Amino acid sequence: MRTFFFTISVILAATPTILCAQVRGKFPEEFTCCNMVQADWADGDSFLIRTGTGEQLTIRLYGVDCIETALSDDNDARRLRAQRRHFGISESGGLPQPEASMTLAMKYGKLATEETAKALAQPFTVYTSFADARGDAKFPRIYAFVTTADGKDLGELLVSKGLARAFGICRETPDGQHEDAYREKLRDLELVACRKASGIWAETDCDKLPSERQLERTEDAELGVARGPKKAPPNPKFDLNTAARDELMSIPGVGEVMATRIIQGRDYATIEELDKVAGIGPKKLEELKKYVRIADKKGNPAKP
């Protein structure tokens, strides 16, 4: 058992009082007395809310990723495959057909959706800087942290119950916890959930987990080679403070890691402030200036 726990550890390591008001000047935005709004498309980590002042926002949780509940296109299918491999359930229980494994995975996606609805049955608090989380064009999303009525972080709750993986964009938490510390905390909670066989981890084939994750990394690398060098985007001027990760990744020389760092460094007053982002030196900064801008509150581009 001790050997099992160490093996899983290595694998996983690799990879508040409520007032009905909107409080300005924190995080930078704090919305209290929020309620969840019923939406057919909602899932465990993305959902519609109404703030205490009546504004509706579509939220995407920082740092966690719940399993897909439906497949609408190839991107959803690839994401579900990556999720199945992360949890080691592609062939869980001797399921030989991908369809059976996908059905099993989506069952836990629906359980995550139900858990989120249950956790947010009472008024809750949302913290957001309005960073674009992309998603369906009909439902533009923003990244946010959510604190339940009893003071629990929703992302941490989902991971601890084995209904989400520690994965995705992170940033400093509302209580000032560094983004790296929050990310590591989520990974620790994931490890504990795996050890307890909570949620989807009860279906995990631990012997095949390393090979499944390696297969996903190998296919990602092959896809990158097949795509070849990135070409400059047709409309290259992206706003540093609102551009989605995929948009930033379309810039030549910007991969997922750097795009994530740029997002986590927001908000920027000038383009020159990119020099604070790890991996961006003077030469890189000059190249990025060709593709980014900063808009003022009226949407007009500001000078560096």
C-alpha atoms as a PDB file:
ATOM      1  CA  MET A   1       0.000   0.000   0.000  1.00  0.00           C
ATOM      2  CA  ARG A   2       2.849   2.356   0.838  1.00  0.00           C
ATOM      3  CA  THR A   3       4.405   1.584  -2.586  1.00  0.00           C
ATOM      4  CA  PHE A   4       1.076   2.282  -4.310  1.00  0.00           C
ATOM      5  CA  PHE A   5       0.715   5.636  -2.573  1.00  0.00           C
ATOM      6  CA  PHE A   6       4.250   6.666  -3.545  1.00  0.00           C
ATOM      7  CA  THR A   7       3.655   5.665  -7.181  1.00  0.00           C
ATOM      8  CA  ILE A   8       0.467   7.693  -7.438  1.00  0.00           C
ATOM      9  CA  SER A   9       2.196  10.625  -5.721  1.00  0.00           C
ATOM     10  CA  VAL A  10       4.872  10.708  -8.403  1.00  0.00           C
ATOM     11  CA  ILE A  11       2.311  10.454 -11.188  1.00  0.00           C
ATOM     12  CA  LEU A  12       0.098  13.239  -9.923  1.00  0.00           C
ATOM     13  CA  ALA A  13       2.995  15.534  -9.091  1.00  0.00           C
ATOM     14  CA  ALA A  14       4.217  15.324 -12.665  1.00  0.00           C
ATOM     15  CA  THR A  15       1.427  16.238 -14.350  1.00  0.00           C
ATOM     16  CA  PRO A  16     -16.948  34.634   4.514  1.00  0.00           C
ATOM     17  CA  THR A  17     -20.060  36.783   5.753  1.00  0.00           C
ATOM     18  CA  ILE A  18     -22.432  37.485   2.842  1.00  0.00           C
ATOM     19  CA  LEU A  19     -23.851  40.949   2.182  1.00  0.00           C
ATOM     20  CA  CYS A  20     -26.166  41.646  -0.751  1.00  0.00           C
ATOM     21  CA  ALA A  21     -23.824  44.042  -2.505  1.00  0.00           C
ATOM     22  CA  GLN A  22     -21.028  44.271  -5.005  1.00  0.00           C
ATOM     23  CA  VAL A  23     -17.793  45.226  -3.262  1.00  0.00           C
ATOM     24  CA  ARG A  24     -15.380  47.223  -5.425  1.00  0.00           C
ATOM     25  CA  GLY A  25     -11.615  47.302  -5.171  1.00  0.00           C
ATOM     26  CA  LYS A  26     -11.074  43.664  -4.230  1.00  0.00           C
ATOM     27  CA  PHE A  27      -9.558  40.952  -6.376  1.00  0.00           C
ATOM     28  CA  PRO A  28     -10.500  43.309  -8.306  1.00  0.00           C
ATOM     29  CA  GLU A  29     -14.232  42.463  -8.195  1.00  0.00           C
ATOM     30  CA  GLU A  30     -16.203  40.712  -5.450  1.00  0.00           C
ATOM     31  CA  PHE A  31     -19.860  39.817  -5.972  1.00  0.00           C
ATOM     32  CA  THR A  32     -21.764  38.699  -2.902  1.00  0.00           C
ATOM     33  CA  CYS A  33     -25.207  37.181  -2.421  1.00  0.00           C
ATOM     34  CA  CYS A  34     -25.001  35.406  -5.792  1.00  0.00           C
ATOM     35  CA  ASN A  35     -27.422  32.718  -6.946  1.00  0.00           C
ATOM     36  CA  MET A  36     -27.077  30.011  -9.562  1.00  0.00           C
ATOM     37  CA  VAL A  37     -29.290  30.306 -12.658  1.00  0.00           C
ATOM     38  CA  GLN A  38     -30.597  27.137 -14.307  1.00  0.00           C
ATOM     39  CA  ALA A  39     -29.015  26.529 -17.731  1.00  0.00           C
ATOM     40  CA  ASP A  40     -29.113  23.361 -19.842  1.00  0.00           C
ATOM     41  CA  TRP A  41     -25.502  23.818 -20.960  1.00  0.00           C
ATOM     42  CA  ALA A  42     -24.042  24.265 -17.453  1.00  0.00           C
ATOM     43  CA  ASP A  43     -21.609  21.732 -16.011  1.00  0.00           C
ATOM     44  CA  GLY A  44     -19.486  21.383 -12.886  1.00  0.00           C
ATOM     45  CA  ASP A  45     -16.933  24.082 -13.675  1.00  0.00           C
ATOM     46  CA  SER A  46     -18.936  26.409 -15.965  1.00  0.00           C
ATOM     47  CA  PHE A  47     -22.330  27.826 -15.058  1.00  0.00           C
ATOM     48  CA  LEU A  48     -24.566  30.887 -15.071  1.00  0.00           C
ATOM     49  CA  ILE A  49     -25.013  33.055 -11.976  1.00  0.00           C
ATOM     50  CA  ARG A  50     -26.962  36.141 -10.950  1.00  0.00           C
ATOM     51  CA  THR A  51     -25.175  38.597  -8.659  1.00  0.00           C
ATOM     52  CA  GLY A  52     -26.743  40.325  -5.679  1.00  0.00           C
ATOM     53  CA  THR A  53     -27.346  43.361  -7.892  1.00  0.00           C
ATOM     54  CA  GLY A  54     -29.097  41.338 -10.613  1.00  0.00           C
ATOM     55  CA  GLU A  55     -26.277  41.056 -13.173  1.00  0.00           C
ATOM     56  CA  GLN A  56     -25.930  37.704 -14.952  1.00  0.00           C
ATOM     57  CA  LEU A  57     -22.434  36.266 -15.488  1.00  0.00           C
ATOM     58  CA  THR A  58     -21.183  32.994 -16.960  1.00  0.00           C
ATOM     59  CA  ILE A  59     -18.468  31.627 -14.680  1.00  0.00           C
ATOM     60  CA  ARG A  60     -15.531  29.315 -15.431  1.00  0.00           C
ATOM     61  CA  LEU A  61     -13.696  28.153 -12.314  1.00  0.00           C
ATOM     62  CA  TYR A  62      -9.969  28.777 -11.966  1.00  0.00           C
ATOM     63  CA  GLY A  63      -7.647  25.799 -11.664  1.00  0.00           C
ATOM     64  CA  VAL A  64     -10.035  22.874 -12.096  1.00  0.00           C
ATOM     65  CA  ASP A  65     -11.566  20.887 -14.931  1.00  0.00           C
ATOM     66  CA  CYS A  66     -14.692  18.740 -14.636  1.00  0.00           C
ATOM     67  CA  ILE A  67     -15.426  15.992 -17.138  1.00  0.00           C
ATOM     68  CA  GLU A  68     -17.496  16.872 -20.195  1.00  0.00           C
ATOM     69  CA  THR A  69     -21.191  16.048 -19.984  1.00  0.00           C
ATOM     70  CA  ALA A  70     -21.898  16.184 -23.727  1.00  0.00           C
ATOM     71  CA  LEU A  71     -19.965  16.228 -26.987  1.00  0.00           C
ATOM     72  CA  SER A  72     -20.845  18.947 -29.492  1.00  0.00           C
ATOM     73  CA  ASP A  73     -17.686  18.949 -31.634  1.00  0.00           C
ATOM     74  CA  ASP A  74     -14.221  17.431 -32.109  1.00  0.00           C
ATOM     75  CA  ASN A  75     -12.708  19.700 -29.462  1.00  0.00           C
ATOM     76  CA  ASP A  76     -15.102  18.322 -26.845  1.00  0.00           C
ATOM     77  CA  ALA A  77     -14.230  14.777 -27.920  1.00  0.00           C
ATOM     78  CA  ARG A  78     -10.489  15.435 -27.612  1.00  0.00           C
ATOM     79  CA  ARG A  79     -10.991  17.065 -24.215  1.00  0.00           C
ATOM     80  CA  LEU A  80     -13.015  14.088 -22.987  1.00  0.00           C
ATOM     81  CA  ARG A  81     -10.285  11.732 -24.201  1.00  0.00           C
ATOM     82  CA  ALA A  82      -7.659  13.724 -22.302  1.00  0.00           C
ATOM     83  CA  GLN A  83      -9.839  13.662 -19.166  1.00  0.00           C
ATOM     84  CA  ARG A  84     -10.363   9.897 -19.397  1.00  0.00           C
ATOM     85  CA  ARG A  85      -6.637   9.376 -19.706  1.00  0.00           C
ATOM     86  CA  HIS A  86      -5.871  11.721 -16.823  1.00  0.00           C
ATOM     87  CA  PHE A  87      -8.096   9.682 -14.521  1.00  0.00           C
ATOM     88  CA  GLY A  88      -6.930   6.371 -16.002  1.00  0.00           C
ATOM     89  CA  ILE A  89     -10.362   5.103 -17.030  1.00  0.00           C
ATOM     90  CA  SER A  90      -9.948   4.544 -20.765  1.00  0.00           C
ATOM     91  CA  GLU A  91     -10.153   0.804 -20.133  1.00  0.00           C
ATOM     92  CA  SER A  92     -11.476   0.853 -16.582  1.00  0.00           C
ATOM     93  CA  GLY A  93     -13.230  -2.327 -15.511  1.00  0.00           C
ATOM     94  CA  GLY A  94     -12.197  -4.100 -18.682  1.00  0.00           C
ATOM     95  CA  LEU A  95     -14.263  -1.826 -20.902  1.00  0.00           C
ATOM     96  CA  PRO A  96     -12.900  -2.543 -24.400  1.00  0.00           C
ATOM     97  CA  GLN A  97     -14.886   0.008 -26.379  1.00  0.00           C
ATOM     98  CA  PRO A  98     -14.240   3.781 -26.253  1.00  0.00           C
ATOM     99  CA  GLU A  99     -18.001   4.390 -26.164  1.00  0.00           C
ATOM    100  CA  ALA A 100     -18.340   2.533 -22.860  1.00  0.00           C
ATOM    101  CA  SER A 101     -15.461   4.473 -21.323  1.00  0.00           C
ATOM    102  CA  MET A 102     -16.887   7.766 -22.578  1.00  0.00           C
ATOM    103  CA  THR A 103     -20.281   6.964 -21.083  1.00  0.00           C
ATOM    104  CA  LEU A 104     -18.636   6.151 -17.760  1.00  0.00           C
ATOM    105  CA  ALA A 105     -16.681   9.403 -17.800  1.00  0.00           C
ATOM    106  CA  MET A 106     -19.684  11.564 -18.683  1.00  0.00           C
ATOM    107  CA  LYS A 107     -21.610   9.999 -15.817  1.00  0.00           C
ATOM    108  CA  TYR A 108     -19.115  11.589 -13.450  1.00  0.00           C
ATOM    109  CA  GLY A 109     -19.334  14.826 -15.392  1.00  0.00           C
ATOM    110  CA  LYS A 110     -23.040  14.902 -14.610  1.00  0.00           C
ATOM    111  CA  LEU A 111     -22.327  14.086 -10.961  1.00  0.00           C
ATOM    112  CA  ALA A 112     -19.974  17.083 -10.873  1.00  0.00           C
ATOM    113  CA  THR A 113     -22.755  19.264 -12.304  1.00  0.00           C
ATOM    114  CA  GLU A 114     -25.110  18.034  -9.581  1.00  0.00           C
ATOM    115  CA  GLU A 115     -22.488  18.616  -6.877  1.00  0.00           C
ATOM    116  CA  THR A 116     -21.958  22.208  -8.009  1.00  0.00           C
ATOM    117  CA  ALA A 117     -25.696  22.884  -7.982  1.00  0.00           C
ATOM    118  CA  LYS A 118     -25.926  21.396  -4.499  1.00  0.00           C
ATOM    119  CA  ALA A 119     -22.941  23.390  -3.202  1.00  0.00           C
ATOM    120  CA  LEU A 120     -24.397  26.617  -4.605  1.00  0.00           C
ATOM    121  CA  ALA A 121     -27.959  26.084  -3.396  1.00  0.00           C
ATOM    122  CA  GLN A 122     -27.420  28.904  -0.877  1.00  0.00           C
ATOM    123  CA  PRO A 123     -26.174  32.420  -1.791  1.00  0.00           C
ATOM    124  CA  PHE A 124     -22.448  32.415  -2.543  1.00  0.00           C
ATOM    125  CA  THR A 125     -19.597  34.822  -3.367  1.00  0.00           C
ATOM    126  CA  VAL A 126     -17.798  35.235  -6.698  1.00  0.00           C
ATOM    127  CA  TYR A 127     -14.376  36.814  -7.195  1.00  0.00           C
ATOM    128  CA  THR A 128     -13.319  37.717 -10.736  1.00  0.00           C
ATOM    129  CA  SER A 129     -11.054  39.973 -12.757  1.00  0.00           C
ATOM    130  CA  PHE A 130     -13.230  39.326 -15.846  1.00  0.00           C
ATOM    131  CA  ALA A 131     -10.482  37.427 -17.704  1.00  0.00           C
ATOM    132  CA  ASP A 132     -11.924  35.856 -20.854  1.00  0.00           C
ATOM    133  CA  ALA A 133     -12.427  32.099 -20.474  1.00  0.00           C
ATOM    134  CA  ARG A 134     -13.763  31.702 -24.023  1.00  0.00           C
ATOM    135  CA  GLY A 135     -16.211  28.804 -24.427  1.00  0.00           C
ATOM    136  CA  ASP A 136     -19.378  28.875 -26.553  1.00  0.00           C
ATOM    137  CA  ALA A 137     -19.775  32.144 -28.474  1.00  0.00           C
ATOM    138  CA  LYS A 138     -23.375  32.339 -27.224  1.00  0.00           C
ATOM    139  CA  PHE A 139     -22.214  32.168 -23.612  1.00  0.00           C
ATOM    140  CA  PRO A 140     -18.950  34.112 -23.152  1.00  0.00           C
ATOM    141  CA  ARG A 141     -17.309  33.036 -19.909  1.00  0.00           C
ATOM    142  CA  ILE A 142     -15.070  34.713 -17.350  1.00  0.00           C
ATOM    143  CA  TYR A 143     -12.645  33.052 -14.966  1.00  0.00           C
ATOM    144  CA  ALA A 144     -13.581  33.251 -11.304  1.00  0.00           C
ATOM    145  CA  PHE A 145     -13.195  31.825  -7.820  1.00  0.00           C
ATOM    146  CA  VAL A 146     -16.391  30.845  -6.019  1.00  0.00           C
ATOM    147  CA  THR A 147     -16.810  30.611  -2.246  1.00  0.00           C
ATOM    148  CA  THR A 148     -19.854  28.701  -0.986  1.00  0.00           C
ATOM    149  CA  ALA A 149     -22.194  29.913   1.763  1.00  0.00           C
ATOM    150  CA  ASP A 150     -20.245  27.867   4.320  1.00  0.00           C
ATOM    151  CA  GLY A 151     -16.892  29.351   3.247  1.00  0.00           C
ATOM    152  CA  LYS A 152     -15.550  26.548   1.034  1.00  0.00           C
ATOM    153  CA  ASP A 153     -13.710  27.086  -2.257  1.00  0.00           C
ATOM    154  CA  LEU A 154     -15.826  25.367  -4.931  1.00  0.00           C
ATOM    155  CA  GLY A 155     -12.813  24.244  -6.978  1.00  0.00           C
ATOM    156  CA  GLU A 156     -11.192  22.609  -3.972  1.00  0.00           C
ATOM    157  CA  LEU A 157     -14.489  20.944  -3.077  1.00  0.00           C
ATOM    158  CA  LEU A 158     -14.903  19.378  -6.531  1.00  0.00           C
ATOM    159  CA  VAL A 159     -11.327  18.081  -6.642  1.00  0.00           C
ATOM    160  CA  SER A 160     -11.527  16.629  -3.126  1.00  0.00           C
ATOM    161  CA  LYS A 161     -14.668  14.712  -4.082  1.00  0.00           C
ATOM    162  CA  GLY A 162     -12.976  13.230  -7.155  1.00  0.00           C
ATOM    163  CA  LEU A 163     -15.228  15.149  -9.535  1.00  0.00           C
ATOM    164  CA  ALA A 164     -12.607  17.419 -11.133  1.00  0.00           C
ATOM    165  CA  ARG A 165      -8.916  17.365 -11.988  1.00  0.00           C
ATOM    166  CA  ALA A 166      -6.403  20.002 -10.949  1.00  0.00           C
ATOM    167  CA  PHE A 167      -5.919  21.550 -14.376  1.00  0.00           C
ATOM    168  CA  GLY A 168      -6.153  24.909 -16.108  1.00  0.00           C
ATOM    169  CA  ILE A 169      -5.560  28.605 -15.610  1.00  0.00           C
ATOM    170  CA  CYS A 170      -4.727  29.754 -12.066  1.00  0.00           C
ATOM    171  CA  ARG A 171      -4.039  33.096 -10.471  1.00  0.00           C
ATOM    172  CA  GLU A 172      -3.621  34.616  -7.011  1.00  0.00           C
ATOM    173  CA  THR A 173      -6.591  33.727  -4.813  1.00  0.00           C
ATOM    174  CA  PRO A 174      -8.932  36.224  -3.135  1.00  0.00           C
ATOM    175  CA  ASP A 175      -7.165  35.683   0.197  1.00  0.00           C
ATOM    176  CA  GLY A 176      -3.756  36.457  -1.334  1.00  0.00           C
ATOM    177  CA  GLN A 177      -2.533  32.875  -1.861  1.00  0.00           C
ATOM    178  CA  HIS A 178       0.028  32.713  -4.679  1.00  0.00           C
ATOM    179  CA  GLU A 179      -1.186  31.012  -7.848  1.00  0.00           C
ATOM    180  CA  ASP A 180       1.490  28.311  -7.582  1.00  0.00           C
ATOM    181  CA  ALA A 181       0.497  27.555  -3.987  1.00  0.00           C
ATOM    182  CA  TYR A 182      -3.164  27.251  -5.003  1.00  0.00           C
ATOM    183  CA  ARG A 183      -2.259  24.980  -7.906  1.00  0.00           C
ATOM    184  CA  GLU A 184      -0.185  22.724  -5.632  1.00  0.00           C
ATOM    185  CA  LYS A 185      -2.989  22.634  -3.062  1.00  0.00           C
ATOM    186  CA  LEU A 186      -5.386  21.400  -5.742  1.00  0.00           C
ATOM    187  CA  ARG A 187      -2.884  18.720  -6.781  1.00  0.00           C
ATOM    188  CA  ASP A 188      -2.552  17.622  -3.165  1.00  0.00           C
ATOM    189  CA  LEU A 189      -6.332  17.364  -2.874  1.00  0.00           C
ATOM    190  CA  GLU A 190      -6.366  15.337  -6.092  1.00  0.00           C
ATOM    191  CA  LEU A 191      -3.793  12.970  -4.622  1.00  0.00           C
ATOM    192  CA  VAL A 192      -5.887  12.467  -1.482  1.00  0.00           C
ATOM    193  CA  ALA A 193      -9.024  11.880  -3.588  1.00  0.00           C
ATOM    194  CA  CYS A 194      -7.150   9.258  -5.596  1.00  0.00           C
ATOM    195  CA  ARG A 195      -5.894   7.584  -2.410  1.00  0.00           C
ATOM    196  CA  LYS A 196      -9.440   7.427  -1.050  1.00  0.00           C
ATOM    197  CA  ALA A 197     -10.888   6.298  -4.405  1.00  0.00           C
ATOM    198  CA  SER A 198     -13.321   9.198  -4.254  1.00  0.00           C
ATOM    199  CA  GLY A 199     -15.597   9.936  -7.185  1.00  0.00           C
ATOM    200  CA  ILE A 200     -14.166   8.951 -10.542  1.00  0.00           C
ATOM    201  CA  TRP A 201     -10.952   7.721  -8.920  1.00  0.00           C
ATOM    202  CA  ALA A 202     -12.932   4.636  -7.834  1.00  0.00           C
ATOM    203  CA  GLU A 203     -12.875   3.616 -11.517  1.00  0.00           C
ATOM    204  CA  THR A 204      -9.148   4.233 -12.067  1.00  0.00           C
ATOM    205  CA  ASP A 205      -6.901   1.472 -13.353  1.00  0.00           C
ATOM    206  CA  CYS A 206      -3.760   2.531 -11.464  1.00  0.00           C
ATOM    207  CA  ASP A 207      -1.534   0.073 -13.327  1.00  0.00           C
ATOM    208  CA  LYS A 208      -2.391   1.694 -16.665  1.00  0.00           C
ATOM    209  CA  LEU A 209      -2.539   5.290 -15.457  1.00  0.00           C
ATOM    210  CA  PRO A 210       1.112   6.149 -16.299  1.00  0.00           C
ATOM    211  CA  SER A 211       0.885   4.715 -19.829  1.00  0.00           C
ATOM    212  CA  GLU A 212      -2.428   6.479 -20.508  1.00  0.00           C
ATOM    213  CA  ARG A 213      -1.002   9.848 -19.532  1.00  0.00           C
ATOM    214  CA  GLN A 214       2.164   9.216 -21.526  1.00  0.00           C
ATOM    215  CA  LEU A 215       0.077   8.368 -24.584  1.00  0.00           C
ATOM    216  CA  GLU A 216      -1.761  11.691 -24.251  1.00  0.00           C
ATOM    217  CA  ARG A 217       1.533  13.613 -24.023  1.00  0.00           C
ATOM    218  CA  THR A 218       2.925  11.754 -27.033  1.00  0.00           C
ATOM    219  CA  GLU A 219      -0.122  12.471 -29.186  1.00  0.00           C
ATOM    220  CA  ASP A 220      -0.073  16.142 -28.181  1.00  0.00           C
ATOM    221  CA  ALA A 221       3.565  16.392 -29.233  1.00  0.00           C
ATOM    222  CA  GLU A 222       2.869  14.657 -32.560  1.00  0.00           C
ATOM    223  CA  LEU A 223      -0.036  17.006 -33.219  1.00  0.00           C
ATOM    224  CA  GLY A 224       2.256  19.973 -32.640  1.00  0.00           C
ATOM    225  CA  VAL A 225       4.746  18.634 -35.175  1.00  0.00           C
ATOM    226  CA  ALA A 226       1.992  17.938 -37.716  1.00  0.00           C
ATOM    227  CA  ARG A 227       0.682  21.478 -37.453  1.00  0.00           C
ATOM    228  CA  GLY A 228       4.118  22.898 -38.171  1.00  0.00           C
ATOM    229  CA  PRO A 229       5.360  26.394 -37.298  1.00  0.00           C
ATOM    230  CA  LYS A 230       2.656  28.838 -36.312  1.00  0.00           C
ATOM    231  CA  LYS A 231       1.746  31.547 -38.753  1.00  0.00           C
ATOM    232  CA  ALA A 232       0.908  35.063 -37.653  1.00  0.00           C
ATOM    233  CA  PRO A 233      -2.815  35.435 -36.894  1.00  0.00           C
ATOM    234  CA  PRO A 234      -4.813  37.282 -39.581  1.00  0.00           C
ATOM    235  CA  ASN A 235      -5.930  39.961 -37.105  1.00  0.00           C
ATOM    236  CA  PRO A 236      -2.949  39.981 -34.770  1.00  0.00           C
ATOM    237  CA  LYS A 237      -3.655  42.786 -32.318  1.00  0.00           C
ATOM    238  CA  PHE A 238      -4.949  41.082 -29.182  1.00  0.00           C
ATOM    239  CA  ASP A 239      -5.788  43.008 -26.023  1.00  0.00           C
ATOM    240  CA  LEU A 240      -3.417  41.830 -23.284  1.00  0.00           C
ATOM    241  CA  ASN A 241      -6.049  42.182 -20.582  1.00  0.00           C
ATOM    242  CA  THR A 242      -8.893  40.320 -22.298  1.00  0.00           C
ATOM    243  CA  ALA A 243      -7.400  37.932 -24.893  1.00  0.00           C
ATOM    244  CA  ALA A 244      -8.242  34.269 -24.395  1.00  0.00           C
ATOM    245  CA  ARG A 245      -5.471  31.730 -23.965  1.00  0.00           C
ATOM    246  CA  ASP A 246      -6.058  30.235 -27.422  1.00  0.00           C
ATOM    247  CA  GLU A 247      -5.739  33.690 -28.973  1.00  0.00           C
ATOM    248  CA  LEU A 248      -2.435  34.331 -27.222  1.00  0.00           C
ATOM    249  CA  MET A 249      -1.224  30.872 -28.261  1.00  0.00           C
ATOM    250  CA  SER A 250      -1.854  31.798 -31.904  1.00  0.00           C
ATOM    251  CA  ILE A 251       0.980  34.330 -31.648  1.00  0.00           C
ATOM    252  CA  PRO A 252       4.261  32.948 -33.048  1.00  0.00           C
ATOM    253  CA  GLY A 253       6.557  31.904 -30.219  1.00  0.00           C
ATOM    254  CA  VAL A 254       3.821  31.785 -27.560  1.00  0.00           C
ATOM    255  CA  GLY A 255       2.951  28.353 -26.224  1.00  0.00           C
ATOM    256  CA  GLU A 256       0.507  27.243 -23.540  1.00  0.00           C
ATOM    257  CA  VAL A 257       2.904  27.952 -20.654  1.00  0.00           C
ATOM    258  CA  MET A 258       3.714  31.509 -21.749  1.00  0.00           C
ATOM    259  CA  ALA A 259       0.073  32.266 -22.601  1.00  0.00           C
ATOM    260  CA  THR A 260      -0.896  31.123 -19.107  1.00  0.00           C
ATOM    261  CA  ARG A 261       1.800  33.297 -17.534  1.00  0.00           C
ATOM    262  CA  ILE A 262       0.605  36.327 -19.498  1.00  0.00           C
ATOM    263  CA  ILE A 263      -2.972  35.788 -18.311  1.00  0.00           C
ATOM    264  CA  GLN A 264      -1.851  35.297 -14.728  1.00  0.00           C
ATOM    265  CA  GLY A 265       0.105  38.575 -14.864  1.00  0.00           C
ATOM    266  CA  ARG A 266      -2.971  40.684 -15.584  1.00  0.00           C
ATOM    267  CA  ASP A 267      -3.899  43.499 -15.425  1.00  0.00           C
ATOM    268  CA  TYR A 268      -1.355  45.399 -17.564  1.00  0.00           C
ATOM    269  CA  ALA A 269      -1.215  49.181 -17.721  1.00  0.00           C
ATOM    270  CA  THR A 270       1.327  49.157 -20.573  1.00  0.00           C
ATOM    271  CA  ILE A 271       2.704  46.580 -22.973  1.00  0.00           C
ATOM    272  CA  GLU A 272       6.140  47.159 -21.462  1.00  0.00           C
ATOM    273  CA  GLU A 273       4.929  45.464 -18.265  1.00  0.00           C
ATOM    274  CA  LEU A 274       5.184  42.141 -20.097  1.00  0.00           C
ATOM    275  CA  ASP A 275       8.855  42.181 -19.153  1.00  0.00           C
ATOM    276  CA  LYS A 276       7.719  41.029 -15.690  1.00  0.00           C
ATOM    277  CA  VAL A 277       6.472  37.753 -17.169  1.00  0.00           C
ATOM    278  CA  ALA A 278       8.948  34.894 -16.812  1.00  0.00           C
ATOM    279  CA  GLY A 279      10.490  34.000 -20.163  1.00  0.00           C
ATOM    280  CA  ILE A 280       9.872  37.384 -21.800  1.00  0.00           C
ATOM    281  CA  GLY A 281      13.102  39.320 -22.281  1.00  0.00           C
ATOM    282  CA  PRO A 282      13.762  42.474 -24.325  1.00  0.00           C
ATOM    283  CA  LYS A 283      13.921  40.615 -27.646  1.00  0.00           C
ATOM    284  CA  LYS A 284      10.728  38.645 -26.990  1.00  0.00           C
ATOM    285  CA  LEU A 285       8.964  41.793 -25.849  1.00  0.00           C
ATOM    286  CA  GLU A 286       9.745  43.560 -29.117  1.00  0.00           C
ATOM    287  CA  GLU A 287       8.312  40.627 -31.071  1.00  0.00           C
ATOM    288  CA  LEU A 288       5.133  40.532 -28.979  1.00  0.00           C
ATOM    289  CA  LYS A 289       4.491  44.230 -29.588  1.00  0.00           C
ATOM    290  CA  LYS A 290       3.572  43.303 -33.164  1.00  0.00           C
ATOM    291  CA  TYR A 291       0.615  41.252 -31.962  1.00  0.00           C
ATOM    292  CA  VAL A 292      -0.722  42.811 -28.759  1.00  0.00           C
ATOM    293  CA  ARG A 293      -2.259  46.041 -27.565  1.00  0.00           C
ATOM    294  CA  ILE A 294      -3.961  47.455 -24.481  1.00  0.00           C
ATOM    295  CA  ALA A 295      -7.356  49.073 -24.920  1.00  0.00           C
ATOM    296  CA  ASP A 296      -8.664  51.858 -22.730  1.00  0.00           C
ATOM    297  CA  LYS A 297     -12.113  51.637 -21.177  1.00  0.00           C
ATOM    298  CA  LYS A 298     -13.669  52.864 -24.437  1.00  0.00           C
ATOM    299  CA  GLY A 299     -11.932  50.116 -26.425  1.00  0.00           C
ATOM    300  CA  ASN A 300      -9.331  52.395 -27.976  1.00  0.00           C
ATOM    301  CA  PRO A 301      -5.795  50.991 -28.163  1.00  0.00           C
ATOM    302  CA  ALA A 302      -3.343  52.564 -25.766  1.00  0.00           C
ATOM    303  CA  LYS A 303       0.276  53.200 -26.583  1.00  0.00           C
ATOM    304  CA  PRO A 304       3.001  51.055 -24.969  1.00  0.00           C
END
